[in-house]
Amino acid sequence: MEKLIILLLTLSLSTIFPQETKKSAMFSKFNIEFLGGLNFSSFSGGSFSVEGKTDLTKNLNMKFSLGYSATNKKESYNVKTNSTFTPGNTTEYITMSYNVNKTKYDLFPVSLGFEYIFVHNIYSPYCLFEIGYNYFSYQIETSEDRYGAQGPFKSFEELPAEYKNNPPAISEGKKKAQRIAIGVGTNYKLTPGINLDIRYLYQFNNLITNTNQVLLGIAF
C-alpha cells in the first residue's frame, strides 16, 4: 500500500491530462476544507474530516485528508466459545454463548487523493479518488449472554466440540485497514474565496465494512 501511494504521487508530478491547452503552475494555490456528514452501512454514523489540497494542473488537484467517522454494522449470528477461571491453583473451563447484534466502529481515516474538476464555474462538478488507511477500534453489541451453561471442565479437551472455538476476530488484532474511496461532488462558489462543497463517496475497506458517505463542507 505504501509503495502504491508513492507511485501515485510520483505519477501526479509528471505530465497529467496533456490534452489541456491552458496550463497553470503547479502548487500555485492551496486550500483547506472542513467537511461533515453521515456514513451509511447497515446503520448510519457521523463523519468529520479536514483536507488540504493544491493544484497540479488547471483541473487536477492533489489532496491530503484526515478525520473521524463512526459507523455501525448490523449483525445476526451466535457465538459459542469458552472461558477459563482459576479456583485455587487449577485452571478450569466453562462454556460461553451469546448473540452478536451490531458492530460499532470508530474510524480514523488518513488518505492521499486526487480531484479532477470538469469545469470551473459558479458550480464546479468534480470526481475524486482517495487511497490510504482507516485506523480503527470496534466494539460488538451482544444479547442473550450465557456463561457456564455447561461445565466446569477440568481440561480444554473435555469441552463440547462446538465450544472449542475462539471468539471471531474482525482483524486478527490488526487496527489498520486499507482504504480506497471514489466519489463525485460539486463546489458552489459562495464568495471569491469560499466554496460550498457537496460530496458523495463510496469507501472500500479490506478488513471492515464498506460504507457510503454523504458530506457537506466549506473550502477556504
Protein backbone atom coordinates (compact mmCIF):
# COMPACT_ATOMS: atom_id res chain seq x y z
CA MET A 1 0.00 0.00 0.00
CA GLU A 2 2.81 2.44 0.88
CA LYS A 3 4.51 1.75 -2.49
CA LEU A 4 1.23 2.37 -4.33
CA ILE A 5 0.76 5.75 -2.62
CA ILE A 6 4.34 6.77 -3.52
CA LEU A 7 3.77 5.66 -7.13
CA LEU A 8 0.56 7.70 -7.40
CA LEU A 9 2.29 10.75 -6.00
CA THR A 10 5.19 10.34 -8.45
CA LEU A 11 2.85 9.97 -11.41
CA SER A 12 0.94 13.06 -10.37
CA LEU A 13 4.09 15.13 -10.64
CA SER A 14 4.62 14.15 -14.28
CA THR A 15 2.58 15.36 -17.25
CA ILE A 16 -1.10 14.73 -16.42
CA PHE A 17 -4.00 15.28 -18.80
CA PRO A 18 -1.78 16.60 -21.64
CA GLN A 19 -4.87 17.47 -23.72
CA GLU A 20 -5.36 20.62 -21.63
CA THR A 21 -4.30 23.65 -23.64
CA LYS A 22 -4.19 26.12 -20.77
CA LYS A 23 -1.58 25.26 -18.16
CA SER A 24 -1.14 26.65 -14.68
CA ALA A 25 1.88 26.48 -12.42
CA MET A 26 1.95 23.53 -10.04
CA PHE A 27 1.31 24.24 -6.38
CA SER A 28 0.25 27.81 -7.10
CA LYS A 29 -2.79 27.53 -4.84
CA PHE A 30 -3.55 25.88 -1.51
CA ASN A 31 -6.97 25.37 0.06
CA ILE A 32 -8.18 23.89 3.32
CA GLU A 33 -11.61 22.35 3.73
CA PHE A 34 -13.76 21.15 6.64
CA LEU A 35 -16.41 18.51 5.93
CA GLY A 36 -19.10 16.81 7.97
CA GLY A 37 -21.85 14.33 7.21
CA LEU A 38 -23.03 10.74 7.53
CA ASN A 39 -21.76 7.22 6.82
CA PHE A 40 -24.29 4.64 5.68
CA SER A 41 -23.80 0.88 6.01
CA SER A 42 -26.39 -1.15 7.89
CA PHE A 43 -26.88 1.81 10.22
CA SER A 44 -25.69 5.39 9.91
CA GLY A 45 -22.94 7.16 11.80
CA GLY A 46 -21.38 10.61 11.80
CA SER A 47 -18.26 11.69 9.92
CA PHE A 48 -15.88 14.66 10.04
CA SER A 49 -12.73 15.34 8.04
CA VAL A 50 -10.18 18.05 7.28
CA GLU A 51 -8.35 18.16 3.97
CA GLY A 52 -5.74 20.31 2.35
CA LYS A 53 -5.31 20.44 -1.41
CA THR A 54 -3.10 22.05 -4.00
CA ASP A 55 -3.29 22.28 -7.79
CA LEU A 56 -1.25 20.10 -10.13
CA THR A 57 -2.87 21.41 -13.31
CA LYS A 58 -5.77 23.76 -14.01
CA ASN A 59 -8.29 20.96 -13.48
CA LEU A 60 -6.44 18.48 -11.27
CA ASN A 61 -5.82 18.85 -7.54
CA MET A 62 -3.85 16.68 -5.16
CA LYS A 63 -5.15 16.46 -1.59
CA PHE A 64 -4.36 15.01 1.81
CA SER A 65 -7.09 14.33 4.34
CA LEU A 66 -7.60 13.01 7.84
CA GLY A 67 -10.68 12.71 10.00
CA TYR A 68 -13.01 10.65 12.18
CA SER A 69 -16.03 8.52 11.33
CA ALA A 70 -18.42 6.38 13.34
CA THR A 71 -20.29 3.61 11.60
CA ASN A 72 -22.34 0.61 12.69
CA LYS A 73 -22.81 -2.74 11.01
CA LYS A 74 -25.91 -4.83 11.70
CA GLU A 75 -25.05 -8.42 12.63
CA SER A 76 -27.02 -11.58 13.29
CA TYR A 77 -25.04 -14.60 14.43
CA ASN A 78 -24.44 -16.72 17.51
CA VAL A 79 -21.03 -17.34 19.08
CA LYS A 80 -20.18 -20.40 21.13
CA THR A 81 -16.81 -20.29 22.86
CA ASN A 82 -15.25 -20.83 26.29
CA SER A 83 -13.67 -19.07 29.21
CA THR A 84 -11.30 -20.08 31.97
CA PHE A 85 -11.28 -19.47 35.69
CA THR A 86 -8.80 -20.49 38.38
CA PRO A 87 -10.17 -21.94 41.62
CA GLY A 88 -7.13 -22.40 43.82
CA ASN A 89 -4.14 -23.45 41.74
CA THR A 90 -6.04 -25.21 38.94
CA THR A 91 -7.49 -23.91 35.69
CA GLU A 92 -10.98 -24.94 34.67
CA TYR A 93 -13.14 -24.20 31.61
CA ILE A 94 -16.74 -23.08 31.27
CA THR A 95 -18.89 -22.59 28.16
CA MET A 96 -19.95 -19.19 26.82
CA SER A 97 -22.70 -18.33 24.33
CA TYR A 98 -24.04 -15.02 23.01
CA ASN A 99 -25.75 -13.41 20.01
CA VAL A 100 -23.93 -10.63 18.13
CA ASN A 101 -26.36 -7.88 17.06
CA LYS A 102 -24.16 -4.97 15.98
CA THR A 103 -20.54 -3.99 15.44
CA LYS A 104 -19.66 -0.38 16.25
CA TYR A 105 -16.59 1.09 14.53
CA ASP A 106 -14.58 4.20 15.33
CA LEU A 107 -12.56 5.06 12.21
CA PHE A 108 -9.67 7.49 11.78
CA PRO A 109 -9.01 7.76 8.01
CA VAL A 110 -5.74 9.12 6.60
CA SER A 111 -5.66 9.42 2.80
CA LEU A 112 -3.90 10.84 -0.25
CA GLY A 113 -6.26 11.76 -3.08
CA PHE A 114 -6.79 13.39 -6.45
CA GLU A 115 -9.69 15.59 -7.51
CA TYR A 116 -10.48 16.28 -11.16
CA ILE A 117 -12.69 19.33 -11.84
CA PHE A 118 -14.68 19.07 -15.07
CA VAL A 119 -15.49 22.77 -15.44
CA HIS A 120 -14.79 25.94 -13.44
CA ASN A 121 -17.95 27.97 -12.91
CA ILE A 122 -20.28 29.02 -10.12
CA TYR A 123 -20.96 25.27 -9.95
CA SER A 124 -17.79 23.20 -10.42
CA PRO A 125 -18.54 19.45 -10.62
CA TYR A 126 -15.71 17.01 -9.96
CA CYS A 127 -14.78 13.38 -9.39
CA LEU A 128 -12.22 12.17 -6.89
CA PHE A 129 -10.12 9.18 -5.87
CA GLU A 130 -8.53 8.53 -2.46
CA ILE A 131 -6.22 5.85 -1.15
CA GLY A 132 -4.91 5.36 2.38
CA TYR A 133 -5.74 3.74 5.69
CA ASN A 134 -8.51 3.57 8.25
CA TYR A 135 -7.09 3.25 11.75
CA PHE A 136 -9.91 1.82 13.81
CA SER A 137 -11.28 0.35 17.01
CA TYR A 138 -14.51 -1.58 17.42
CA GLN A 139 -16.99 -2.96 19.92
CA ILE A 140 -19.64 -5.63 19.48
CA GLU A 141 -23.15 -5.34 20.89
CA THR A 142 -24.42 -8.69 22.23
CA SER A 143 -27.56 -10.19 23.75
CA GLU A 144 -28.61 -13.43 25.46
CA ASP A 145 -25.21 -13.86 27.07
CA ARG A 146 -24.90 -17.24 28.79
CA TYR A 147 -21.93 -18.21 30.92
CA GLY A 148 -21.32 -21.62 32.41
CA ALA A 149 -24.38 -23.32 30.93
CA GLN A 150 -22.16 -26.39 30.75
CA GLY A 151 -19.19 -27.22 32.92
CA PRO A 152 -16.93 -26.58 34.63
CA PHE A 153 -14.49 -28.82 32.78
CA LYS A 154 -11.05 -29.67 34.07
CA SER A 155 -9.37 -29.53 30.65
CA PHE A 156 -9.90 -27.99 27.21
CA GLU A 157 -10.27 -31.47 25.71
CA GLU A 158 -13.36 -32.13 27.85
CA LEU A 159 -15.25 -29.17 26.35
CA PRO A 160 -18.08 -29.98 23.89
CA ALA A 161 -16.74 -29.59 20.33
CA GLU A 162 -18.93 -26.55 19.48
CA TYR A 163 -17.43 -24.60 22.42
CA LYS A 164 -13.77 -25.15 21.48
CA ASN A 165 -13.76 -22.22 19.02
CA ASN A 166 -12.10 -18.90 19.77
CA PRO A 167 -14.39 -15.83 19.57
CA PRO A 168 -14.44 -14.50 15.97
CA ALA A 169 -11.90 -11.75 15.35
CA ILE A 170 -12.57 -8.93 12.90
CA SER A 171 -8.95 -8.32 12.02
CA GLU A 172 -6.79 -10.77 13.98
CA GLY A 173 -5.56 -7.98 16.21
CA LYS A 174 -4.84 -5.50 13.43
CA LYS A 175 -6.08 -1.95 13.88
CA LYS A 176 -5.39 -0.62 10.38
CA ALA A 177 -7.49 -1.26 7.29
CA GLN A 178 -6.57 -0.33 3.74
CA ARG A 179 -9.00 2.22 2.33
CA ILE A 180 -9.93 3.19 -1.24
CA ALA A 181 -12.66 5.74 -1.94
CA ILE A 182 -14.22 7.03 -5.15
CA GLY A 183 -16.75 9.81 -5.37
CA VAL A 184 -18.38 12.72 -7.12
CA GLY A 185 -19.37 16.18 -5.97
CA THR A 186 -19.68 19.83 -6.82
CA ASN A 187 -18.34 23.08 -5.45
CA TYR A 188 -20.65 26.09 -5.28
CA LYS A 189 -18.92 29.48 -5.18
CA LEU A 190 -20.26 31.50 -2.23
CA THR A 191 -17.64 34.25 -2.47
CA PRO A 192 -14.38 34.59 -4.46
CA GLY A 193 -12.53 32.84 -1.63
CA ILE A 194 -15.13 30.46 -0.14
CA ASN A 195 -16.81 27.42 -1.71
CA LEU A 196 -19.62 25.18 -0.51
CA ASP A 197 -18.77 21.52 -1.25
CA ILE A 198 -21.38 18.74 -1.60
CA ARG A 199 -19.90 15.25 -1.97
CA TYR A 200 -20.76 11.54 -2.21
CA LEU A 201 -18.13 8.83 -1.54
CA TYR A 202 -18.10 5.05 -1.60
CA GLN A 203 -15.39 3.56 0.61
CA PHE A 204 -13.83 0.12 0.15
CA ASN A 205 -12.15 -1.30 3.28
CA ASN A 206 -10.30 -4.61 3.28
CA LEU A 207 -10.91 -5.55 6.94
CA ILE A 208 -14.10 -3.75 7.91
CA THR A 209 -17.47 -2.94 6.38
CA ASN A 210 -17.68 -0.80 3.23
CA THR A 211 -19.64 2.44 3.56
CA ASN A 212 -21.46 5.11 1.61
CA GLN A 213 -20.72 8.67 2.73
CA VAL A 214 -22.53 11.97 2.11
CA LEU A 215 -20.60 15.09 3.14
CA LEU A 216 -21.12 18.84 3.20
CA GLY A 217 -18.11 21.12 3.50
CA ILE A 218 -16.73 24.63 3.41
CA ALA A 219 -13.47 25.26 1.50
CA PHE A 220 -11.28 28.35 2.02
